[in-house]
Amino acid sequence: MNQDLPPSPVNPLDAASGLAPEPLSPDEFDEIDTLLDELRSRYDETPQWEFCEGFMAALICCRRLILPSEYFPVLLAIGEEGAPDEGSFADAAQQQRFMELWMRRWNEVAQALDADIEGLDDDAAYQPEVMDVRGAIAALPEAERAAIELDAVPSFAQVWALGFMFAVEAWPEEWAAPRDKEAVKWLNRALEAIVAITEDDTDPATLSVFDDDGPPSISLKRLNAFADAVWAVYDLRELWRNIGPRVETVHIAPTPGRNDPCFCGSGKKYKKCHGA
């Protein structure tokens, strides 16, 4: 079932009220997970929210504003034509609710990335919605832990980074290196910081991310790499805003001379044919 999607994101500040976007509550993030689970029942490649969160962050700091009608077919297979296993919403009400939650989170992230912050512990800073799956498993009773292969469980923020890079790879022309050498270095450093956490955390776990009293689930190196990746998102947002959208090159075919053969192949001189 193909469905129309809204043409563009709304402004990070509500135009009518001038108020900041209302942050999603934990219950609303759970609701998004439920909606994605339902979508997954019809399209099994529907990603989990953490992947979507990274994908969204990349779109927000992308050089060009990419519209929902362009990116949802890439992320969720929503809106694609002719694919028998394409994704779809169950009905208009489900689609409307998903879009409401999606756009509120979009505006919340965009506002955070535009905020002037001193550190990532600032209340206004971007806080990616990521899960510590390994920490949750480590907190299980021993018998349940033994039944799970920890090596198959993603590392902290790994899925978020994979979602971010998925968007980068989907629109490579929007992430092509600019001409300025310093900007190229800036771009490469930022992307390298995000790519670094697409890899597994193989160092010894010494920290618990969300619970000071919880079992260790990530390494100090991973925590620092995650912080570097979040700062990299800020750098990318600033980089592309400073450079601006790409300027499309217009190629104009040379006009034949008046006495040259006409380009249409008639055998006549240009002045006697299309140049008349």
C-alpha atoms as a PDB file:
ATOM      1  CA  MET A   1       0.000   0.000   0.000  1.00  0.00           C
ATOM      2  CA  ASN A   2       1.615   3.245  -1.127  1.00  0.00           C
ATOM      3  CA  GLN A   3       0.943   6.296   0.982  1.00  0.00           C
ATOM      4  CA  ASP A   4       1.605   9.971   0.526  1.00  0.00           C
ATOM      5  CA  LEU A   5       4.158  11.440   2.911  1.00  0.00           C
ATOM      6  CA  PRO A   6       4.422  15.036   4.089  1.00  0.00           C
ATOM      7  CA  PRO A   7       6.616  17.115   1.793  1.00  0.00           C
ATOM      8  CA  SER A   8       9.041  18.588   4.303  1.00  0.00           C
ATOM      9  CA  PRO A   9      10.045  18.859   7.959  1.00  0.00           C
ATOM     10  CA  VAL A  10       8.609  21.678  10.001  1.00  0.00           C
ATOM     11  CA  ASN A  11      10.709  24.398  11.535  1.00  0.00           C
ATOM     12  CA  PRO A  12      12.613  23.552  14.762  1.00  0.00           C
ATOM     13  CA  LEU A  13      10.573  26.256  16.464  1.00  0.00           C
ATOM     14  CA  ASP A  14       6.816  26.205  16.079  1.00  0.00           C
ATOM     15  CA  ALA A  15       6.059  29.113  13.775  1.00  0.00           C
ATOM     16  CA  ALA A  16       2.806  29.960  15.493  1.00  0.00           C
ATOM     17  CA  SER A  17       3.876  29.808  19.125  1.00  0.00           C
ATOM     18  CA  GLY A  18       7.639  30.380  18.938  1.00  0.00           C
ATOM     19  CA  LEU A  19       8.003  27.579  21.499  1.00  0.00           C
ATOM     20  CA  ALA A  20      10.645  24.876  21.454  1.00  0.00           C
ATOM     21  CA  PRO A  21       9.473  21.437  20.291  1.00  0.00           C
ATOM     22  CA  GLU A  22       8.050  19.223  23.014  1.00  0.00           C
ATOM     23  CA  PRO A  23      10.557  16.436  23.748  1.00  0.00           C
ATOM     24  CA  LEU A  24       9.388  12.872  23.335  1.00  0.00           C
ATOM     25  CA  SER A  25       8.695  11.107  26.611  1.00  0.00           C
ATOM     26  CA  PRO A  26       9.992   7.596  27.397  1.00  0.00           C
ATOM     27  CA  ASP A  27       6.477   6.294  26.766  1.00  0.00           C
ATOM     28  CA  GLU A  28       6.448   7.953  23.355  1.00  0.00           C
ATOM     29  CA  PHE A  29       9.787   6.392  22.440  1.00  0.00           C
ATOM     30  CA  ASP A  30       8.242   3.053  23.437  1.00  0.00           C
ATOM     31  CA  GLU A  31       5.309   3.909  21.180  1.00  0.00           C
ATOM     32  CA  ILE A  32       7.675   4.482  18.253  1.00  0.00           C
ATOM     33  CA  ASP A  33       9.254   1.086  18.932  1.00  0.00           C
ATOM     34  CA  THR A  34       5.799  -0.486  18.861  1.00  0.00           C
ATOM     35  CA  LEU A  35       4.970   1.232  15.565  1.00  0.00           C
ATOM     36  CA  LEU A  36       8.232   0.009  14.027  1.00  0.00           C
ATOM     37  CA  ASP A  37       7.514  -3.515  15.278  1.00  0.00           C
ATOM     38  CA  GLU A  38       4.135  -3.345  13.570  1.00  0.00           C
ATOM     39  CA  LEU A  39       5.710  -2.107  10.336  1.00  0.00           C
ATOM     40  CA  ARG A  40       8.246  -4.926  10.625  1.00  0.00           C
ATOM     41  CA  SER A  41       5.405  -7.450  10.590  1.00  0.00           C
ATOM     42  CA  ARG A  42       4.818  -6.461   6.950  1.00  0.00           C
ATOM     43  CA  TYR A  43       8.373  -5.542   5.960  1.00  0.00           C
ATOM     44  CA  ASP A  44      10.970  -7.501   7.890  1.00  0.00           C
ATOM     45  CA  GLU A  45      13.835  -5.130   7.021  1.00  0.00           C
ATOM     46  CA  THR A  46      12.257  -2.271   8.976  1.00  0.00           C
ATOM     47  CA  PRO A  47      15.074  -1.045  11.263  1.00  0.00           C
ATOM     48  CA  GLN A  48      14.900  -0.484  14.993  1.00  0.00           C
ATOM     49  CA  TRP A  49      14.610   3.014  16.405  1.00  0.00           C
ATOM     50  CA  GLU A  50      18.295   3.441  17.279  1.00  0.00           C
ATOM     51  CA  PHE A  51      19.167   2.982  13.591  1.00  0.00           C
ATOM     52  CA  CYS A  52      16.438   5.489  12.654  1.00  0.00           C
ATOM     53  CA  GLU A  53      17.822   7.938  15.219  1.00  0.00           C
ATOM     54  CA  GLY A  54      21.261   7.866  13.585  1.00  0.00           C
ATOM     55  CA  PHE A  55      19.720   8.113  10.114  1.00  0.00           C
ATOM     56  CA  MET A  56      17.712  11.152  11.231  1.00  0.00           C
ATOM     57  CA  ALA A  57      20.783  12.879  12.700  1.00  0.00           C
ATOM     58  CA  ALA A  58      22.622  12.480   9.389  1.00  0.00           C
ATOM     59  CA  LEU A  59      19.689  13.925   7.456  1.00  0.00           C
ATOM     60  CA  ILE A  60      19.501  16.923   9.782  1.00  0.00           C
ATOM     61  CA  CYS A  61      23.161  17.824   9.286  1.00  0.00           C
ATOM     62  CA  CYS A  62      23.222  16.870   5.597  1.00  0.00           C
ATOM     63  CA  ARG A  63      24.286  19.532   3.116  1.00  0.00           C
ATOM     64  CA  ARG A  64      20.890  19.500   1.386  1.00  0.00           C
ATOM     65  CA  LEU A  65      17.437  19.346   2.948  1.00  0.00           C
ATOM     66  CA  ILE A  66      16.178  15.902   1.953  1.00  0.00           C
ATOM     67  CA  LEU A  67      12.412  15.557   2.106  1.00  0.00           C
ATOM     68  CA  PRO A  68      10.412  12.729   3.710  1.00  0.00           C
ATOM     69  CA  SER A  69       9.094  11.663   0.298  1.00  0.00           C
ATOM     70  CA  GLU A  70      12.732  10.978  -0.655  1.00  0.00           C
ATOM     71  CA  TYR A  71      14.148   9.492   2.529  1.00  0.00           C
ATOM     72  CA  PHE A  72      11.337   7.260   3.818  1.00  0.00           C
ATOM     73  CA  PRO A  73      11.554   4.938   0.791  1.00  0.00           C
ATOM     74  CA  VAL A  74      15.243   4.506   1.664  1.00  0.00           C
ATOM     75  CA  LEU A  75      14.750   3.995   5.411  1.00  0.00           C
ATOM     76  CA  LEU A  76      11.433   2.152   5.658  1.00  0.00           C
ATOM     77  CA  ALA A  77      10.570   1.231   2.040  1.00  0.00           C
ATOM     78  CA  ILE A  78       7.496   3.417   2.522  1.00  0.00           C
ATOM     79  CA  GLY A  79       6.214   4.945  -0.663  1.00  0.00           C
ATOM     80  CA  GLU A  80       8.131   2.749  -3.105  1.00  0.00           C
ATOM     81  CA  GLU A  81       6.359   1.619  -6.244  1.00  0.00           C
ATOM     82  CA  GLY A  82       6.157  -1.911  -7.550  1.00  0.00           C
ATOM     83  CA  ALA A  83       7.818  -3.825  -4.677  1.00  0.00           C
ATOM     84  CA  PRO A  84       5.578  -6.655  -3.458  1.00  0.00           C
ATOM     85  CA  ASP A  85       7.215  -6.678  -0.030  1.00  0.00           C
ATOM     86  CA  GLU A  86       7.323  -2.913   0.415  1.00  0.00           C
ATOM     87  CA  GLY A  87       6.628  -1.397   3.794  1.00  0.00           C
ATOM     88  CA  SER A  88       3.368   0.298   4.608  1.00  0.00           C
ATOM     89  CA  PHE A  89       1.428   1.767   7.475  1.00  0.00           C
ATOM     90  CA  ALA A  90      -1.633  -0.125   8.602  1.00  0.00           C
ATOM     91  CA  ASP A  91      -3.876   2.885   8.074  1.00  0.00           C
ATOM     92  CA  ALA A  92      -3.898   6.676   7.863  1.00  0.00           C
ATOM     93  CA  ALA A  93      -4.174   7.065  11.632  1.00  0.00           C
ATOM     94  CA  GLN A  94      -1.037   4.989  12.222  1.00  0.00           C
ATOM     95  CA  GLN A  95       0.853   6.958   9.588  1.00  0.00           C
ATOM     96  CA  GLN A  96      -0.248  10.269  11.093  1.00  0.00           C
ATOM     97  CA  ARG A  97       0.842   9.221  14.578  1.00  0.00           C
ATOM     98  CA  PHE A  98       4.231   7.989  13.378  1.00  0.00           C
ATOM     99  CA  MET A  99       4.841  11.216  11.480  1.00  0.00           C
ATOM    100  CA  GLU A 100       3.829  13.294  14.494  1.00  0.00           C
ATOM    101  CA  LEU A 101       6.342  11.514  16.719  1.00  0.00           C
ATOM    102  CA  TRP A 102       9.007  11.506  14.018  1.00  0.00           C
ATOM    103  CA  MET A 103       8.747  15.241  13.366  1.00  0.00           C
ATOM    104  CA  ARG A 104       8.757  16.128  17.045  1.00  0.00           C
ATOM    105  CA  ARG A 105      11.973  14.180  17.482  1.00  0.00           C
ATOM    106  CA  TRP A 106      13.376  15.742  14.290  1.00  0.00           C
ATOM    107  CA  ASN A 107      12.736  19.231  15.598  1.00  0.00           C
ATOM    108  CA  GLU A 108      14.123  18.361  19.019  1.00  0.00           C
ATOM    109  CA  VAL A 109      17.376  17.048  17.493  1.00  0.00           C
ATOM    110  CA  ALA A 110      17.665  19.999  15.092  1.00  0.00           C
ATOM    111  CA  GLN A 111      17.250  22.474  17.946  1.00  0.00           C
ATOM    112  CA  ALA A 112      19.856  20.644  20.035  1.00  0.00           C
ATOM    113  CA  LEU A 113      22.359  20.669  17.164  1.00  0.00           C
ATOM    114  CA  ASP A 114      21.833  24.404  16.697  1.00  0.00           C
ATOM    115  CA  ALA A 115      22.225  25.177  20.407  1.00  0.00           C
ATOM    116  CA  ASP A 116      25.339  26.917  21.724  1.00  0.00           C
ATOM    117  CA  ILE A 117      26.571  24.409  24.295  1.00  0.00           C
ATOM    118  CA  GLU A 118      29.685  24.137  26.424  1.00  0.00           C
ATOM    119  CA  GLY A 119      29.595  20.375  26.905  1.00  0.00           C
ATOM    120  CA  LEU A 120      27.579  17.261  26.130  1.00  0.00           C
ATOM    121  CA  ASP A 121      26.258  17.263  29.697  1.00  0.00           C
ATOM    122  CA  ASP A 122      24.411  20.514  28.914  1.00  0.00           C
ATOM    123  CA  ASP A 123      20.639  20.075  29.135  1.00  0.00           C
ATOM    124  CA  ALA A 124      20.332  21.602  25.656  1.00  0.00           C
ATOM    125  CA  ALA A 125      22.852  19.218  24.069  1.00  0.00           C
ATOM    126  CA  TYR A 126      21.924  16.468  21.596  1.00  0.00           C
ATOM    127  CA  GLN A 127      21.476  13.203  23.444  1.00  0.00           C
ATOM    128  CA  PRO A 128      21.160  10.351  20.929  1.00  0.00           C
ATOM    129  CA  GLU A 129      18.509   7.824  21.893  1.00  0.00           C
ATOM    130  CA  VAL A 130      20.744   4.750  22.092  1.00  0.00           C
ATOM    131  CA  MET A 131      20.480   1.493  23.989  1.00  0.00           C
ATOM    132  CA  ASP A 132      22.990  -0.353  26.136  1.00  0.00           C
ATOM    133  CA  VAL A 133      21.901  -3.848  25.118  1.00  0.00           C
ATOM    134  CA  ARG A 134      24.982  -5.482  26.566  1.00  0.00           C
ATOM    135  CA  GLY A 135      24.332  -3.757  29.879  1.00  0.00           C
ATOM    136  CA  ALA A 136      20.739  -5.012  29.904  1.00  0.00           C
ATOM    137  CA  ILE A 137      21.971  -8.555  29.251  1.00  0.00           C
ATOM    138  CA  ALA A 138      24.653  -8.277  31.916  1.00  0.00           C
ATOM    139  CA  ALA A 139      21.938  -7.394  34.434  1.00  0.00           C
ATOM    140  CA  LEU A 140      19.991 -10.602  33.712  1.00  0.00           C
ATOM    141  CA  PRO A 141      20.177 -13.651  35.964  1.00  0.00           C
ATOM    142  CA  GLU A 142      23.152 -15.873  35.180  1.00  0.00           C
ATOM    143  CA  ALA A 143      21.049 -18.630  33.604  1.00  0.00           C
ATOM    144  CA  GLU A 144      19.482 -16.195  31.135  1.00  0.00           C
ATOM    145  CA  ARG A 145      22.829 -14.574  30.330  1.00  0.00           C
ATOM    146  CA  ALA A 146      24.344 -17.937  29.507  1.00  0.00           C
ATOM    147  CA  ALA A 147      21.761 -18.514  26.784  1.00  0.00           C
ATOM    148  CA  ILE A 148      22.747 -15.337  24.907  1.00  0.00           C
ATOM    149  CA  GLU A 149      25.778 -15.034  22.658  1.00  0.00           C
ATOM    150  CA  LEU A 150      27.193 -11.669  23.673  1.00  0.00           C
ATOM    151  CA  ASP A 151      29.349 -11.462  20.548  1.00  0.00           C
ATOM    152  CA  ALA A 152      26.182 -11.203  18.437  1.00  0.00           C
ATOM    153  CA  VAL A 153      24.885  -8.244  20.480  1.00  0.00           C
ATOM    154  CA  PRO A 154      25.725  -4.766  19.137  1.00  0.00           C
ATOM    155  CA  SER A 155      28.071  -2.558  21.085  1.00  0.00           C
ATOM    156  CA  PHE A 156      26.952   0.664  22.714  1.00  0.00           C
ATOM    157  CA  ALA A 157      25.834   3.209  20.038  1.00  0.00           C
ATOM    158  CA  GLN A 158      26.952   0.926  17.210  1.00  0.00           C
ATOM    159  CA  VAL A 159      23.472   0.733  15.655  1.00  0.00           C
ATOM    160  CA  TRP A 160      23.096   4.531  15.876  1.00  0.00           C
ATOM    161  CA  ALA A 161      26.376   5.008  14.004  1.00  0.00           C
ATOM    162  CA  LEU A 162      25.372   2.447  11.374  1.00  0.00           C
ATOM    163  CA  GLY A 163      22.121   4.352  10.799  1.00  0.00           C
ATOM    164  CA  PHE A 164      24.039   7.615  10.419  1.00  0.00           C
ATOM    165  CA  MET A 165      26.464   6.166   7.879  1.00  0.00           C
ATOM    166  CA  PHE A 166      23.620   4.464   6.007  1.00  0.00           C
ATOM    167  CA  ALA A 167      22.205   7.924   5.254  1.00  0.00           C
ATOM    168  CA  VAL A 168      25.646   9.224   4.258  1.00  0.00           C
ATOM    169  CA  GLU A 169      26.098   6.339   1.833  1.00  0.00           C
ATOM    170  CA  ALA A 170      22.572   6.758   0.433  1.00  0.00           C
ATOM    171  CA  TRP A 171      23.300  10.347  -0.694  1.00  0.00           C
ATOM    172  CA  PRO A 172      27.067  10.387  -1.353  1.00  0.00           C
ATOM    173  CA  GLU A 173      26.854  13.484  -3.550  1.00  0.00           C
ATOM    174  CA  GLU A 174      25.668  15.491  -0.520  1.00  0.00           C
ATOM    175  CA  TRP A 175      28.703  14.372   1.493  1.00  0.00           C
ATOM    176  CA  ALA A 176      31.318  14.847  -1.217  1.00  0.00           C
ATOM    177  CA  ALA A 177      34.410  16.705  -0.086  1.00  0.00           C
ATOM    178  CA  PRO A 178      34.263  20.500  -0.556  1.00  0.00           C
ATOM    179  CA  ARG A 179      37.038  22.406  -2.314  1.00  0.00           C
ATOM    180  CA  ASP A 180      38.407  24.098   0.791  1.00  0.00           C
ATOM    181  CA  LYS A 181      41.277  21.993   2.218  1.00  0.00           C
ATOM    182  CA  GLU A 182      40.532  22.860   5.829  1.00  0.00           C
ATOM    183  CA  ALA A 183      36.860  21.960   5.306  1.00  0.00           C
ATOM    184  CA  VAL A 184      37.928  18.613   3.835  1.00  0.00           C
ATOM    185  CA  LYS A 185      39.961  17.872   6.972  1.00  0.00           C
ATOM    186  CA  TRP A 186      37.000  18.889   9.131  1.00  0.00           C
ATOM    187  CA  LEU A 187      34.648  16.633   7.165  1.00  0.00           C
ATOM    188  CA  ASN A 188      36.984  13.650   7.217  1.00  0.00           C
ATOM    189  CA  ARG A 189      37.683  13.925  10.949  1.00  0.00           C
ATOM    190  CA  ALA A 190      33.986  14.095  11.744  1.00  0.00           C
ATOM    191  CA  LEU A 191      33.020  11.127   9.577  1.00  0.00           C
ATOM    192  CA  GLU A 192      35.949   9.082  10.890  1.00  0.00           C
ATOM    193  CA  ALA A 193      34.732   9.683  14.450  1.00  0.00           C
ATOM    194  CA  ILE A 194      31.307   8.277  13.572  1.00  0.00           C
ATOM    195  CA  VAL A 195      32.695   5.380  11.540  1.00  0.00           C
ATOM    196  CA  ALA A 196      34.838   4.435  14.558  1.00  0.00           C
ATOM    197  CA  ILE A 197      31.772   3.424  16.554  1.00  0.00           C
ATOM    198  CA  THR A 198      30.287   1.348  13.755  1.00  0.00           C
ATOM    199  CA  GLU A 199      32.898  -1.151  14.952  1.00  0.00           C
ATOM    200  CA  ASP A 200      32.599  -3.448  17.958  1.00  0.00           C
ATOM    201  CA  ASP A 201      33.769  -2.389  21.410  1.00  0.00           C
ATOM    202  CA  THR A 202      36.445  -5.019  22.001  1.00  0.00           C
ATOM    203  CA  ASP A 203      38.160  -3.403  25.002  1.00  0.00           C
ATOM    204  CA  PRO A 204      37.418  -4.628  28.540  1.00  0.00           C
ATOM    205  CA  ALA A 205      34.115  -3.320  29.890  1.00  0.00           C
ATOM    206  CA  THR A 206      34.725  -1.096  32.918  1.00  0.00           C
ATOM    207  CA  LEU A 207      31.721   1.262  32.911  1.00  0.00           C
ATOM    208  CA  SER A 208      27.956   1.137  33.197  1.00  0.00           C
ATOM    209  CA  VAL A 209      26.334   3.781  30.990  1.00  0.00           C
ATOM    210  CA  PHE A 210      22.887   4.378  32.432  1.00  0.00           C
ATOM    211  CA  ASP A 211      23.147   2.883  35.917  1.00  0.00           C
ATOM    212  CA  ASP A 212      26.071   3.704  38.191  1.00  0.00           C
ATOM    213  CA  ASP A 213      25.393   0.542  40.156  1.00  0.00           C
ATOM    214  CA  GLY A 214      24.872  -1.645  37.088  1.00  0.00           C
ATOM    215  CA  PRO A 215      27.341  -4.235  35.775  1.00  0.00           C
ATOM    216  CA  PRO A 216      30.117  -2.883  33.496  1.00  0.00           C
ATOM    217  CA  SER A 217      29.067  -3.052  29.847  1.00  0.00           C
ATOM    218  CA  ILE A 218      31.282  -0.646  27.880  1.00  0.00           C
ATOM    219  CA  SER A 219      34.909   0.383  27.867  1.00  0.00           C
ATOM    220  CA  LEU A 220      36.198   3.854  28.692  1.00  0.00           C
ATOM    221  CA  LYS A 221      37.578   4.022  25.147  1.00  0.00           C
ATOM    222  CA  ARG A 222      34.073   3.414  23.780  1.00  0.00           C
ATOM    223  CA  LEU A 223      32.525   6.091  25.958  1.00  0.00           C
ATOM    224  CA  ASN A 224      35.105   8.622  24.767  1.00  0.00           C
ATOM    225  CA  ALA A 225      34.623   7.539  21.151  1.00  0.00           C
ATOM    226  CA  PHE A 226      30.871   8.041  21.496  1.00  0.00           C
ATOM    227  CA  ALA A 227      31.403  11.559  22.837  1.00  0.00           C
ATOM    228  CA  ASP A 228      33.709  12.283  19.901  1.00  0.00           C
ATOM    229  CA  ALA A 229      31.013  11.025  17.519  1.00  0.00           C
ATOM    230  CA  VAL A 230      28.346  13.292  19.000  1.00  0.00           C
ATOM    231  CA  TRP A 231      30.666  16.298  18.732  1.00  0.00           C
ATOM    232  CA  ALA A 232      31.304  15.201  15.141  1.00  0.00           C
ATOM    233  CA  VAL A 233      27.588  15.560  14.410  1.00  0.00           C
ATOM    234  CA  TYR A 234      27.785  19.155  15.671  1.00  0.00           C
ATOM    235  CA  ASP A 235      30.811  19.764  13.447  1.00  0.00           C
ATOM    236  CA  LEU A 236      29.029  18.384  10.389  1.00  0.00           C
ATOM    237  CA  ARG A 237      25.959  20.515  11.068  1.00  0.00           C
ATOM    238  CA  GLU A 238      28.122  23.648  11.270  1.00  0.00           C
ATOM    239  CA  LEU A 239      30.296  22.688   8.299  1.00  0.00           C
ATOM    240  CA  TRP A 240      27.454  22.276   5.799  1.00  0.00           C
ATOM    241  CA  ARG A 241      25.553  25.293   7.099  1.00  0.00           C
ATOM    242  CA  ASN A 242      28.641  27.428   6.537  1.00  0.00           C
ATOM    243  CA  ILE A 243      29.330  26.043   3.067  1.00  0.00           C
ATOM    244  CA  GLY A 244      25.722  25.950   1.888  1.00  0.00           C
ATOM    245  CA  PRO A 245      23.999  23.707  -0.666  1.00  0.00           C
ATOM    246  CA  ARG A 246      25.822  22.386  -3.697  1.00  0.00           C
ATOM    247  CA  VAL A 247      25.611  24.515  -6.826  1.00  0.00           C
ATOM    248  CA  GLU A 248      24.563  22.368  -9.754  1.00  0.00           C
ATOM    249  CA  THR A 249      26.774  22.719 -12.816  1.00  0.00           C
ATOM    250  CA  VAL A 250      24.775  23.588 -15.915  1.00  0.00           C
ATOM    251  CA  HIS A 251      26.308  22.268 -19.126  1.00  0.00           C
ATOM    252  CA  ILE A 252      25.366  24.322 -22.182  1.00  0.00           C
ATOM    253  CA  ALA A 253      25.982  22.800 -25.589  1.00  0.00           C
ATOM    254  CA  PRO A 254      28.037  25.072 -27.842  1.00  0.00           C
ATOM    255  CA  THR A 255      26.025  26.862 -30.527  1.00  0.00           C
ATOM    256  CA  PRO A 256      27.192  26.019 -34.077  1.00  0.00           C
ATOM    257  CA  GLY A 257      28.589  28.788 -36.227  1.00  0.00           C
ATOM    258  CA  ARG A 258      26.195  30.191 -38.837  1.00  0.00           C
ATOM    259  CA  ASN A 259      27.988  28.380 -41.669  1.00  0.00           C
ATOM    260  CA  ASP A 260      28.529  25.116 -39.738  1.00  0.00           C
ATOM    261  CA  PRO A 261      26.451  22.029 -40.518  1.00  0.00           C
ATOM    262  CA  CYS A 262      23.250  22.054 -38.434  1.00  0.00           C
ATOM    263  CA  PHE A 263      23.300  19.824 -35.358  1.00  0.00           C
ATOM    264  CA  CYS A 264      20.057  18.105 -36.432  1.00  0.00           C
ATOM    265  CA  GLY A 265      21.784  16.234 -39.238  1.00  0.00           C
ATOM    266  CA  SER A 266      19.749  17.751 -42.053  1.00  0.00           C
ATOM    267  CA  GLY A 267      22.867  18.480 -44.105  1.00  0.00           C
ATOM    268  CA  LYS A 268      21.965  22.166 -44.289  1.00  0.00           C
ATOM    269  CA  LYS A 269      24.025  24.982 -42.829  1.00  0.00           C
ATOM    270  CA  TYR A 270      22.916  26.051 -39.341  1.00  0.00           C
ATOM    271  CA  LYS A 271      21.842  29.502 -40.629  1.00  0.00           C
ATOM    272  CA  LYS A 272      19.519  27.862 -43.167  1.00  0.00           C
ATOM    273  CA  CYS A 273      18.051  25.364 -40.684  1.00  0.00           C
ATOM    274  CA  HIS A 274      17.621  25.651 -36.899  1.00  0.00           C
ATOM    275  CA  GLY A 275      19.515  28.945 -36.841  1.00  0.00           C
ATOM    276  CA  ALA A 276      17.102  30.609 -39.237  1.00  0.00           C
END
